[in-house]
Amino acid sequence: MKTITLELPESLFWHDAKSHASIEHRSRFLLALKYFELGEITSGQGAAMSGLSRVEFLGAASQHGVPVADLDEEELDQELGKS
Protein backbone atom coordinates (compact mmCIF):
# COMPACT_ATOMS: atom_id res chain seq x y z
CA MET A 1 0.00 0.00 0.00
CA LYS A 2 1.01 3.59 -0.60
CA THR A 3 0.18 6.55 1.63
CA ILE A 4 -1.38 9.85 0.61
CA THR A 5 -2.36 12.92 2.61
CA LEU A 6 -5.79 14.49 2.20
CA GLU A 7 -7.02 17.87 3.32
CA LEU A 8 -10.50 17.74 4.81
CA PRO A 9 -12.84 20.61 5.63
CA GLU A 10 -12.94 21.71 9.26
CA SER A 11 -16.72 21.28 9.20
CA LEU A 12 -16.30 17.50 9.25
CA PHE A 13 -14.94 17.82 12.78
CA TRP A 14 -17.78 19.99 14.06
CA HIS A 15 -20.56 17.39 13.78
CA ASP A 16 -21.11 15.45 16.98
CA ALA A 17 -17.63 16.39 18.24
CA LYS A 18 -16.09 13.60 16.17
CA SER A 19 -12.53 12.70 16.97
CA HIS A 20 -9.69 12.85 14.48
CA ALA A 21 -9.46 9.03 14.59
CA SER A 22 -13.16 8.55 13.77
CA ILE A 23 -12.97 11.01 10.85
CA GLU A 24 -9.87 9.23 9.54
CA HIS A 25 -11.52 5.80 9.82
CA ARG A 26 -14.72 6.99 8.12
CA SER A 27 -12.78 8.74 5.35
CA ARG A 28 -10.71 5.62 4.66
CA PHE A 29 -13.88 3.51 4.52
CA LEU A 30 -15.78 5.90 2.25
CA LEU A 31 -12.85 6.23 -0.14
CA ALA A 32 -12.42 2.45 -0.25
CA LEU A 33 -16.17 2.01 -0.73
CA LYS A 34 -16.24 4.34 -3.72
CA TYR A 35 -13.24 2.67 -5.38
CA PHE A 36 -14.93 -0.71 -4.78
CA GLU A 37 -18.22 0.56 -6.21
CA LEU A 38 -16.39 1.76 -9.33
CA GLY A 39 -14.75 -1.65 -9.70
CA GLU A 40 -11.26 -0.23 -9.27
CA ILE A 41 -10.39 -2.35 -6.20
CA THR A 42 -11.52 -5.70 -4.81
CA SER A 43 -13.48 -6.15 -1.62
CA GLY A 44 -10.32 -7.49 0.01
CA GLN A 45 -8.41 -4.34 -0.94
CA GLY A 46 -11.31 -2.21 0.30
CA ALA A 47 -11.30 -4.09 3.58
CA ALA A 48 -7.55 -3.58 3.98
CA MET A 49 -7.85 0.14 3.19
CA SER A 50 -10.60 0.62 5.74
CA GLY A 51 -9.17 -1.58 8.50
CA LEU A 52 -12.06 -4.04 8.40
CA SER A 53 -12.36 -7.74 7.70
CA ARG A 54 -13.65 -8.59 4.23
CA VAL A 55 -16.99 -9.73 5.69
CA GLU A 56 -17.32 -6.49 7.67
CA PHE A 57 -16.47 -4.43 4.58
CA LEU A 58 -19.03 -6.25 2.42
CA GLY A 59 -21.69 -5.86 5.12
CA ALA A 60 -20.99 -2.15 5.46
CA ALA A 61 -20.98 -1.74 1.66
CA SER A 62 -24.41 -3.34 1.50
CA GLN A 63 -25.67 -1.07 4.30
CA HIS A 64 -24.51 1.93 2.24
CA GLY A 65 -26.42 0.71 -0.82
CA VAL A 66 -23.38 -0.54 -2.75
CA PRO A 67 -24.01 -3.90 -4.45
CA VAL A 68 -21.53 -6.52 -3.28
CA ALA A 69 -22.05 -8.84 -6.25
CA ASP A 70 -22.01 -7.96 -9.92
CA LEU A 71 -23.80 -10.87 -11.57
CA ASP A 72 -25.36 -10.85 -15.01
CA GLU A 73 -28.79 -12.45 -15.48
CA GLU A 74 -27.40 -15.89 -16.35
CA GLU A 75 -25.05 -15.91 -13.36
CA LEU A 76 -27.87 -14.81 -11.07
CA ASP A 77 -30.09 -17.63 -12.35
CA GLN A 78 -27.29 -20.10 -11.65
CA GLU A 79 -26.82 -18.76 -8.13
CA LEU A 80 -30.55 -19.04 -7.47
CA GLY A 81 -30.71 -22.55 -8.96
CA LYS A 82 -32.95 -21.54 -11.85
CA SER A 83 -30.85 -23.08 -14.61
PDB file of N, CA and C in Angstrom:
ATOM      1  N   MET A   1       0.836  -1.185   0.000  1.00  0.00           N
ATOM      2  CA  MET A   1       0.000   0.000   0.000  1.00  0.00           C
ATOM      3  C   MET A   1       0.875   1.241   0.000  1.00  0.00           C
ATOM      4  N   LYS A   2       0.358   2.282  -0.598  1.00  0.00           N
ATOM      5  CA  LYS A   2       1.006   3.586  -0.604  1.00  0.00           C
ATOM      6  C   LYS A   2       0.205   4.520   0.299  1.00  0.00           C
ATOM      7  N   THR A   3       0.827   5.584   0.744  1.00  0.00           N
ATOM      8  CA  THR A   3       0.182   6.546   1.633  1.00  0.00           C
ATOM      9  C   THR A   3       0.036   7.880   0.915  1.00  0.00           C
ATOM     10  N   ILE A   4      -1.143   8.500   1.098  1.00  0.00           N
ATOM     11  CA  ILE A   4      -1.380   9.855   0.606  1.00  0.00           C
ATOM     12  C   ILE A   4      -1.898  10.697   1.769  1.00  0.00           C
ATOM     13  N   THR A   5      -1.829  11.990   1.603  1.00  0.00           N
ATOM     14  CA  THR A   5      -2.358  12.919   2.607  1.00  0.00           C
ATOM     15  C   THR A   5      -3.511  13.679   1.972  1.00  0.00           C
ATOM     16  N   LEU A   6      -4.624  13.763   2.690  1.00  0.00           N
ATOM     17  CA  LEU A   6      -5.793  14.489   2.196  1.00  0.00           C
ATOM     18  C   LEU A   6      -6.102  15.655   3.117  1.00  0.00           C
ATOM     19  N   GLU A   7      -6.525  16.747   2.535  1.00  0.00           N
ATOM     20  CA  GLU A   7      -7.018  17.870   3.321  1.00  0.00           C
ATOM     21  C   GLU A   7      -8.531  17.745   3.396  1.00  0.00           C
ATOM     22  N   LEU A   8      -9.068  17.858   4.593  1.00  0.00           N
ATOM     23  CA  LEU A   8     -10.503  17.740   4.811  1.00  0.00           C
ATOM     24  C   LEU A   8     -11.030  19.035   5.405  1.00  0.00           C
ATOM     25  N   PRO A   9     -12.270  19.378   5.073  1.00  0.00           N
ATOM     26  CA  PRO A   9     -12.843  20.614   5.627  1.00  0.00           C
ATOM     27  C   PRO A   9     -13.010  20.527   7.146  1.00  0.00           C
ATOM     28  N   GLU A  10     -12.775  21.626   7.806  1.00  0.00           N
ATOM     29  CA  GLU A  10     -12.937  21.710   9.265  1.00  0.00           C
ATOM     30  C   GLU A  10     -14.343  21.292   9.695  1.00  0.00           C
ATOM     31  N   SER A  11     -15.321  21.557   8.841  1.00  0.00           N
ATOM     32  CA  SER A  11     -16.715  21.277   9.205  1.00  0.00           C
ATOM     33  C   SER A  11     -16.949  19.805   9.505  1.00  0.00           C
ATOM     34  N   LEU A  12     -16.144  18.916   8.939  1.00  0.00           N
ATOM     35  CA  LEU A  12     -16.302  17.496   9.252  1.00  0.00           C
ATOM     36  C   LEU A  12     -16.075  17.218  10.730  1.00  0.00           C
ATOM     37  N   PHE A  13     -15.281  18.029  11.371  1.00  0.00           N
ATOM     38  CA  PHE A  13     -14.936  17.817  12.775  1.00  0.00           C
ATOM     39  C   PHE A  13     -15.927  18.473  13.728  1.00  0.00           C
ATOM     40  N   TRP A  14     -16.822  19.296  13.208  1.00  0.00           N
ATOM     41  CA  TRP A  14     -17.780  19.986  14.059  1.00  0.00           C
ATOM     42  C   TRP A  14     -18.959  19.099  14.437  1.00  0.00           C
ATOM     43  N   HIS A  15     -19.363  18.205  13.559  1.00  0.00           N
ATOM     44  CA  HIS A  15     -20.560  17.394  13.777  1.00  0.00           C
ATOM     45  C   HIS A  15     -20.325  16.369  14.877  1.00  0.00           C
ATOM     46  N   ASP A  16     -21.126  16.417  15.886  1.00  0.00           N
ATOM     47  CA  ASP A  16     -21.108  15.448  16.983  1.00  0.00           C
ATOM     48  C   ASP A  16     -19.737  15.331  17.653  1.00  0.00           C
ATOM     49  N   ALA A  17     -18.953  16.384  17.605  1.00  0.00           N
ATOM     50  CA  ALA A  17     -17.633  16.392  18.237  1.00  0.00           C
ATOM     51  C   ALA A  17     -16.820  15.143  17.887  1.00  0.00           C
ATOM     52  N   LYS A  18     -16.802  14.801  16.616  1.00  0.00           N
ATOM     53  CA  LYS A  18     -16.089  13.599  16.169  1.00  0.00           C
ATOM     54  C   LYS A  18     -14.587  13.763  16.378  1.00  0.00           C
ATOM     55  N   SER A  19     -13.969  12.681  16.756  1.00  0.00           N
ATOM     56  CA  SER A  19     -12.532  12.697  16.972  1.00  0.00           C
ATOM     57  C   SER A  19     -11.793  12.582  15.640  1.00  0.00           C
ATOM     58  N   HIS A  20     -10.536  12.956  15.668  1.00  0.00           N
ATOM     59  CA  HIS A  20      -9.688  12.846  14.485  1.00  0.00           C
ATOM     60  C   HIS A  20      -9.645  11.392  14.009  1.00  0.00           C
ATOM     61  N   ALA A  21      -9.537  10.454  14.939  1.00  0.00           N
ATOM     62  CA  ALA A  21      -9.464   9.029  14.585  1.00  0.00           C
ATOM     63  C   ALA A  21     -10.747   8.558  13.907  1.00  0.00           C
ATOM     64  N   SER A  22     -11.900   9.002  14.379  1.00  0.00           N
ATOM     65  CA  SER A  22     -13.160   8.552  13.768  1.00  0.00           C
ATOM     66  C   SER A  22     -13.340   9.141  12.373  1.00  0.00           C
ATOM     67  N   ILE A  23     -12.905  10.388  12.181  1.00  0.00           N
ATOM     68  CA  ILE A  23     -12.966  11.013  10.855  1.00  0.00           C
ATOM     69  C   ILE A  23     -12.024  10.280   9.905  1.00  0.00           C
ATOM     70  N   GLU A  24     -10.831   9.945  10.379  1.00  0.00           N
ATOM     71  CA  GLU A  24      -9.866   9.233   9.540  1.00  0.00           C
ATOM     72  C   GLU A  24     -10.408   7.862   9.151  1.00  0.00           C
ATOM     73  N   HIS A  25     -10.970   7.137  10.100  1.00  0.00           N
ATOM     74  CA  HIS A  25     -11.519   5.802   9.820  1.00  0.00           C
ATOM     75  C   HIS A  25     -12.666   5.892   8.816  1.00  0.00           C
ATOM     76  N   ARG A  26     -13.582   6.824   9.027  1.00  0.00           N
ATOM     77  CA  ARG A  26     -14.718   6.987   8.119  1.00  0.00           C
ATOM     78  C   ARG A  26     -14.259   7.397   6.726  1.00  0.00           C
ATOM     79  N   SER A  27     -13.295   8.290   6.647  1.00  0.00           N
ATOM     80  CA  SER A  27     -12.778   8.741   5.350  1.00  0.00           C
ATOM     81  C   SER A  27     -12.120   7.597   4.594  1.00  0.00           C
ATOM     82  N   ARG A  28     -11.339   6.778   5.300  1.00  0.00           N
ATOM     83  CA  ARG A  28     -10.709   5.616   4.661  1.00  0.00           C
ATOM     84  C   ARG A  28     -11.777   4.670   4.120  1.00  0.00           C
ATOM     85  N   PHE A  29     -12.813   4.416   4.943  1.00  0.00           N
ATOM     86  CA  PHE A  29     -13.878   3.511   4.522  1.00  0.00           C
ATOM     87  C   PHE A  29     -14.616   4.063   3.302  1.00  0.00           C
ATOM     88  N   LEU A  30     -15.006   5.327   3.356  1.00  0.00           N
ATOM     89  CA  LEU A  30     -15.777   5.897   2.247  1.00  0.00           C
ATOM     90  C   LEU A  30     -14.976   5.949   0.951  1.00  0.00           C
ATOM     91  N   LEU A  31     -13.695   6.232   1.047  1.00  0.00           N
ATOM     92  CA  LEU A  31     -12.845   6.229  -0.139  1.00  0.00           C
ATOM     93  C   LEU A  31     -12.729   4.807  -0.697  1.00  0.00           C
ATOM     94  N   ALA A  32     -12.503   3.845   0.178  1.00  0.00           N
ATOM     95  CA  ALA A  32     -12.425   2.445  -0.250  1.00  0.00           C
ATOM     96  C   ALA A  32     -13.746   1.993  -0.854  1.00  0.00           C
ATOM     97  N   LEU A  33     -14.846   2.398  -0.245  1.00  0.00           N
ATOM     98  CA  LEU A  33     -16.169   2.015  -0.727  1.00  0.00           C
ATOM     99  C   LEU A  33     -16.410   2.533  -2.143  1.00  0.00           C
ATOM    100  N   LYS A  34     -16.036   3.761  -2.392  1.00  0.00           N
ATOM    101  CA  LYS A  34     -16.239   4.339  -3.724  1.00  0.00           C
ATOM    102  C   LYS A  34     -15.366   3.649  -4.765  1.00  0.00           C
ATOM    103  N   TYR A  35     -14.107   3.398  -4.443  1.00  0.00           N
ATOM    104  CA  TYR A  35     -13.242   2.668  -5.376  1.00  0.00           C
ATOM    105  C   TYR A  35     -13.800   1.275  -5.650  1.00  0.00           C
ATOM    106  N   PHE A  36     -14.319   0.616  -4.617  1.00  0.00           N
ATOM    107  CA  PHE A  36     -14.933  -0.710  -4.782  1.00  0.00           C
ATOM    108  C   PHE A  36     -16.163  -0.618  -5.674  1.00  0.00           C
ATOM    109  N   GLU A  37     -17.008   0.371  -5.423  1.00  0.00           N
ATOM    110  CA  GLU A  37     -18.224   0.564  -6.213  1.00  0.00           C
ATOM    111  C   GLU A  37     -17.887   0.788  -7.691  1.00  0.00           C
ATOM    112  N   LEU A  38     -16.811   1.493  -7.960  1.00  0.00           N
ATOM    113  CA  LEU A  38     -16.390   1.763  -9.333  1.00  0.00           C
ATOM    114  C   LEU A  38     -15.675   0.572  -9.972  1.00  0.00           C
ATOM    115  N   GLY A  39     -15.419  -0.464  -9.187  1.00  0.00           N
ATOM    116  CA  GLY A  39     -14.752  -1.652  -9.704  1.00  0.00           C
ATOM    117  C   GLY A  39     -13.250  -1.485  -9.833  1.00  0.00           C
ATOM    118  N   GLU A  40     -12.694  -0.496  -9.158  1.00  0.00           N
ATOM    119  CA  GLU A  40     -11.260  -0.226  -9.266  1.00  0.00           C
ATOM    120  C   GLU A  40     -10.430  -0.996  -8.251  1.00  0.00           C
ATOM    121  N   ILE A  41     -11.068  -1.498  -7.182  1.00  0.00           N
ATOM    122  CA  ILE A  41     -10.389  -2.345  -6.201  1.00  0.00           C
ATOM    123  C   ILE A  41     -11.310  -3.500  -5.832  1.00  0.00           C
ATOM    124  N   THR A  42     -10.738  -4.545  -5.265  1.00  0.00           N
ATOM    125  CA  THR A  42     -11.518  -5.695  -4.814  1.00  0.00           C
ATOM    126  C   THR A  42     -12.059  -5.434  -3.408  1.00  0.00           C
ATOM    127  N   SER A  43     -12.960  -6.285  -2.978  1.00  0.00           N
ATOM    128  CA  SER A  43     -13.483  -6.149  -1.620  1.00  0.00           C
ATOM    129  C   SER A  43     -12.379  -6.380  -0.591  1.00  0.00           C
ATOM    130  N   GLY A  44     -11.446  -7.261  -0.892  1.00  0.00           N
ATOM    131  CA  GLY A  44     -10.318  -7.489   0.011  1.00  0.00           C
ATOM    132  C   GLY A  44      -9.439  -6.259   0.142  1.00  0.00           C
ATOM    133  N   GLN A  45      -9.196  -5.583  -0.974  1.00  0.00           N
ATOM    134  CA  GLN A  45      -8.413  -4.344  -0.937  1.00  0.00           C
ATOM    135  C   GLN A  45      -9.176  -3.254  -0.194  1.00  0.00           C
ATOM    136  N   GLY A  46     -10.482  -3.182  -0.416  1.00  0.00           N
ATOM    137  CA  GLY A  46     -11.307  -2.210   0.303  1.00  0.00           C
ATOM    138  C   GLY A  46     -11.286  -2.457   1.797  1.00  0.00           C
ATOM    139  N   ALA A  47     -11.354  -3.724   2.168  1.00  0.00           N
ATOM    140  CA  ALA A  47     -11.302  -4.089   3.582  1.00  0.00           C
ATOM    141  C   ALA A  47      -9.964  -3.664   4.188  1.00  0.00           C
ATOM    142  N   ALA A  48      -8.876  -3.949   3.477  1.00  0.00           N
ATOM    143  CA  ALA A  48      -7.550  -3.584   3.979  1.00  0.00           C
ATOM    144  C   ALA A  48      -7.412  -2.065   4.116  1.00  0.00           C
ATOM    145  N   MET A  49      -7.922  -1.324   3.126  1.00  0.00           N
ATOM    146  CA  MET A  49      -7.854   0.140   3.187  1.00  0.00           C
ATOM    147  C   MET A  49      -8.611   0.688   4.382  1.00  0.00           C
ATOM    148  N   SER A  50      -9.740   0.072   4.703  1.00  0.00           N
ATOM    149  CA  SER A  50     -10.601   0.624   5.741  1.00  0.00           C
ATOM    150  C   SER A  50     -10.378  -0.011   7.112  1.00  0.00           C
ATOM    151  N   GLY A  51      -9.458  -0.969   7.203  1.00  0.00           N
ATOM    152  CA  GLY A  51      -9.168  -1.583   8.500  1.00  0.00           C
ATOM    153  C   GLY A  51     -10.246  -2.521   8.988  1.00  0.00           C
ATOM    154  N   LEU A  52     -10.991  -3.113   8.066  1.00  0.00           N
ATOM    155  CA  LEU A  52     -12.063  -4.042   8.404  1.00  0.00           C
ATOM    156  C   LEU A  52     -11.739  -5.418   7.848  1.00  0.00           C
ATOM    157  N   SER A  53     -12.447  -6.432   8.337  1.00  0.00           N
ATOM    158  CA  SER A  53     -12.360  -7.737   7.695  1.00  0.00           C
ATOM    159  C   SER A  53     -13.148  -7.653   6.396  1.00  0.00           C
ATOM    160  N   ARG A  54     -12.923  -8.598   5.506  1.00  0.00           N
ATOM    161  CA  ARG A  54     -13.650  -8.595   4.230  1.00  0.00           C
ATOM    162  C   ARG A  54     -15.149  -8.707   4.463  1.00  0.00           C
ATOM    163  N   VAL A  55     -15.559  -9.555   5.389  1.00  0.00           N
ATOM    164  CA  VAL A  55     -16.986  -9.729   5.687  1.00  0.00           C
ATOM    165  C   VAL A  55     -17.575  -8.427   6.235  1.00  0.00           C
ATOM    166  N   GLU A  56     -16.853  -7.764   7.129  1.00  0.00           N
ATOM    167  CA  GLU A  56     -17.323  -6.485   7.672  1.00  0.00           C
ATOM    168  C   GLU A  56     -17.443  -5.438   6.567  1.00  0.00           C
ATOM    169  N   PHE A  57     -16.444  -5.400   5.670  1.00  0.00           N
ATOM    170  CA  PHE A  57     -16.471  -4.429   4.582  1.00  0.00           C
ATOM    171  C   PHE A  57     -17.668  -4.672   3.670  1.00  0.00           C
ATOM    172  N   LEU A  58     -17.896  -5.934   3.298  1.00  0.00           N
ATOM    173  CA  LEU A  58     -19.031  -6.252   2.422  1.00  0.00           C
ATOM    174  C   LEU A  58     -20.358  -5.934   3.098  1.00  0.00           C
ATOM    175  N   GLY A  59     -20.472  -6.201   4.389  1.00  0.00           N
ATOM    176  CA  GLY A  59     -21.685  -5.864   5.122  1.00  0.00           C
ATOM    177  C   GLY A  59     -21.927  -4.370   5.157  1.00  0.00           C
ATOM    178  N   ALA A  60     -20.870  -3.604   5.417  1.00  0.00           N
ATOM    179  CA  ALA A  60     -20.987  -2.149   5.455  1.00  0.00           C
ATOM    180  C   ALA A  60     -21.292  -1.592   4.068  1.00  0.00           C
ATOM    181  N   ALA A  61     -20.694  -2.185   3.032  1.00  0.00           N
ATOM    182  CA  ALA A  61     -20.979  -1.744   1.658  1.00  0.00           C
ATOM    183  C   ALA A  61     -22.461  -1.922   1.357  1.00  0.00           C
ATOM    184  N   SER A  62     -22.991  -3.061   1.717  1.00  0.00           N
ATOM    185  CA  SER A  62     -24.410  -3.339   1.498  1.00  0.00           C
ATOM    186  C   SER A  62     -25.283  -2.344   2.262  1.00  0.00           C
ATOM    187  N   GLN A  63     -24.918  -2.036   3.495  1.00  0.00           N
ATOM    188  CA  GLN A  63     -25.675  -1.072   4.300  1.00  0.00           C
ATOM    189  C   GLN A  63     -25.656   0.324   3.680  1.00  0.00           C
ATOM    190  N   HIS A  64     -24.620   0.628   2.913  1.00  0.00           N
ATOM    191  CA  HIS A  64     -24.512   1.926   2.239  1.00  0.00           C
ATOM    192  C   HIS A  64     -25.078   1.891   0.819  1.00  0.00           C
ATOM    193  N   GLY A  65     -25.755   0.790   0.472  1.00  0.00           N
ATOM    194  CA  GLY A  65     -26.419   0.706  -0.824  1.00  0.00           C
ATOM    195  C   GLY A  65     -25.509   0.343  -1.983  1.00  0.00           C
ATOM    196  N   VAL A  66     -24.313  -0.139  -1.698  1.00  0.00           N
ATOM    197  CA  VAL A  66     -23.377  -0.541  -2.749  1.00  0.00           C
ATOM    198  C   VAL A  66     -23.524  -2.046  -2.965  1.00  0.00           C
ATOM    199  N   PRO A  67     -23.877  -2.462  -4.171  1.00  0.00           N
ATOM    200  CA  PRO A  67     -24.009  -3.900  -4.446  1.00  0.00           C
ATOM    201  C   PRO A  67     -22.683  -4.620  -4.208  1.00  0.00           C
ATOM    202  N   VAL A  68     -22.757  -5.770  -3.575  1.00  0.00           N
ATOM    203  CA  VAL A  68     -21.534  -6.518  -3.276  1.00  0.00           C
ATOM    204  C   VAL A  68     -21.283  -7.634  -4.276  1.00  0.00           C
ATOM    205  N   ALA A  69     -22.226  -7.851  -5.187  1.00  0.00           N
ATOM    206  CA  ALA A  69     -22.052  -8.843  -6.246  1.00  0.00           C
ATOM    207  C   ALA A  69     -22.466  -8.208  -7.562  1.00  0.00           C
ATOM    208  N   ASP A  70     -21.724  -8.516  -8.596  1.00  0.00           N
ATOM    209  CA  ASP A  70     -22.007  -7.963  -9.919  1.00  0.00           C
ATOM    210  C   ASP A  70     -22.255  -9.130 -10.868  1.00  0.00           C
ATOM    211  N   LEU A  71     -23.451  -9.701 -10.773  1.00  0.00           N
ATOM    212  CA  LEU A  71     -23.795 -10.868 -11.573  1.00  0.00           C
ATOM    213  C   LEU A  71     -24.685 -10.473 -12.741  1.00  0.00           C
ATOM    214  N   ASP A  72     -24.435 -11.071 -13.908  1.00  0.00           N
ATOM    215  CA  ASP A  72     -25.363 -10.853 -15.012  1.00  0.00           C
ATOM    216  C   ASP A  72     -26.560 -11.781 -14.802  1.00  0.00           C
ATOM    217  N   GLU A  73     -27.554 -11.690 -15.655  1.00  0.00           N
ATOM    218  CA  GLU A  73     -28.793 -12.448 -15.479  1.00  0.00           C
ATOM    219  C   GLU A  73     -28.557 -13.960 -15.438  1.00  0.00           C
ATOM    220  N   GLU A  74     -27.695 -14.455 -16.311  1.00  0.00           N
ATOM    221  CA  GLU A  74     -27.405 -15.888 -16.353  1.00  0.00           C
ATOM    222  C   GLU A  74     -26.710 -16.349 -15.074  1.00  0.00           C
ATOM    223  N   GLU A  75     -25.742 -15.569 -14.602  1.00  0.00           N
ATOM    224  CA  GLU A  75     -25.046 -15.909 -13.361  1.00  0.00           C
ATOM    225  C   GLU A  75     -25.999 -15.873 -12.165  1.00  0.00           C
ATOM    226  N   LEU A  76     -26.900 -14.910 -12.156  1.00  0.00           N
ATOM    227  CA  LEU A  76     -27.870 -14.810 -11.069  1.00  0.00           C
ATOM    228  C   LEU A  76     -28.791 -16.024 -11.078  1.00  0.00           C
ATOM    229  N   ASP A  77     -29.252 -16.428 -12.240  1.00  0.00           N
ATOM    230  CA  ASP A  77     -30.093 -17.632 -12.351  1.00  0.00           C
ATOM    231  C   ASP A  77     -29.354 -18.860 -11.814  1.00  0.00           C
ATOM    232  N   GLN A  78     -28.078 -18.970 -12.146  1.00  0.00           N
ATOM    233  CA  GLN A  78     -27.290 -20.101 -11.651  1.00  0.00           C
ATOM    234  C   GLN A  78     -27.176 -20.062 -10.139  1.00  0.00           C
ATOM    235  N   GLU A  79     -26.928 -18.900  -9.583  1.00  0.00           N
ATOM    236  CA  GLU A  79     -26.817 -18.761  -8.127  1.00  0.00           C
ATOM    237  C   GLU A  79     -28.117 -19.108  -7.430  1.00  0.00           C
ATOM    238  N   LEU A  80     -29.240 -18.776  -8.068  1.00  0.00           N
ATOM    239  CA  LEU A  80     -30.549 -19.045  -7.470  1.00  0.00           C
ATOM    240  C   LEU A  80     -31.090 -20.419  -7.839  1.00  0.00           C
ATOM    241  N   GLY A  81     -30.314 -21.198  -8.605  1.00  0.00           N
ATOM    242  CA  GLY A  81     -30.707 -22.548  -8.963  1.00  0.00           C
ATOM    243  C   GLY A  81     -31.797 -22.599 -10.014  1.00  0.00           C
ATOM    244  N   LYS A  82     -31.894 -21.594 -10.841  1.00  0.00           N
ATOM    245  CA  LYS A  82     -32.953 -21.539 -11.850  1.00  0.00           C
ATOM    246  C   LYS A  82     -32.522 -22.132 -13.179  1.00  0.00           C
ATOM    247  N   SER A  83     -31.275 -22.542 -13.325  1.00  0.00           N
ATOM    248  CA  SER A  83     -30.849 -23.084 -14.606  1.00  0.00           C
ATOM    249  C   SER A  83     -30.413 -24.524 -14.495  1.00  0.00           C
TER     250      SER A  83
END
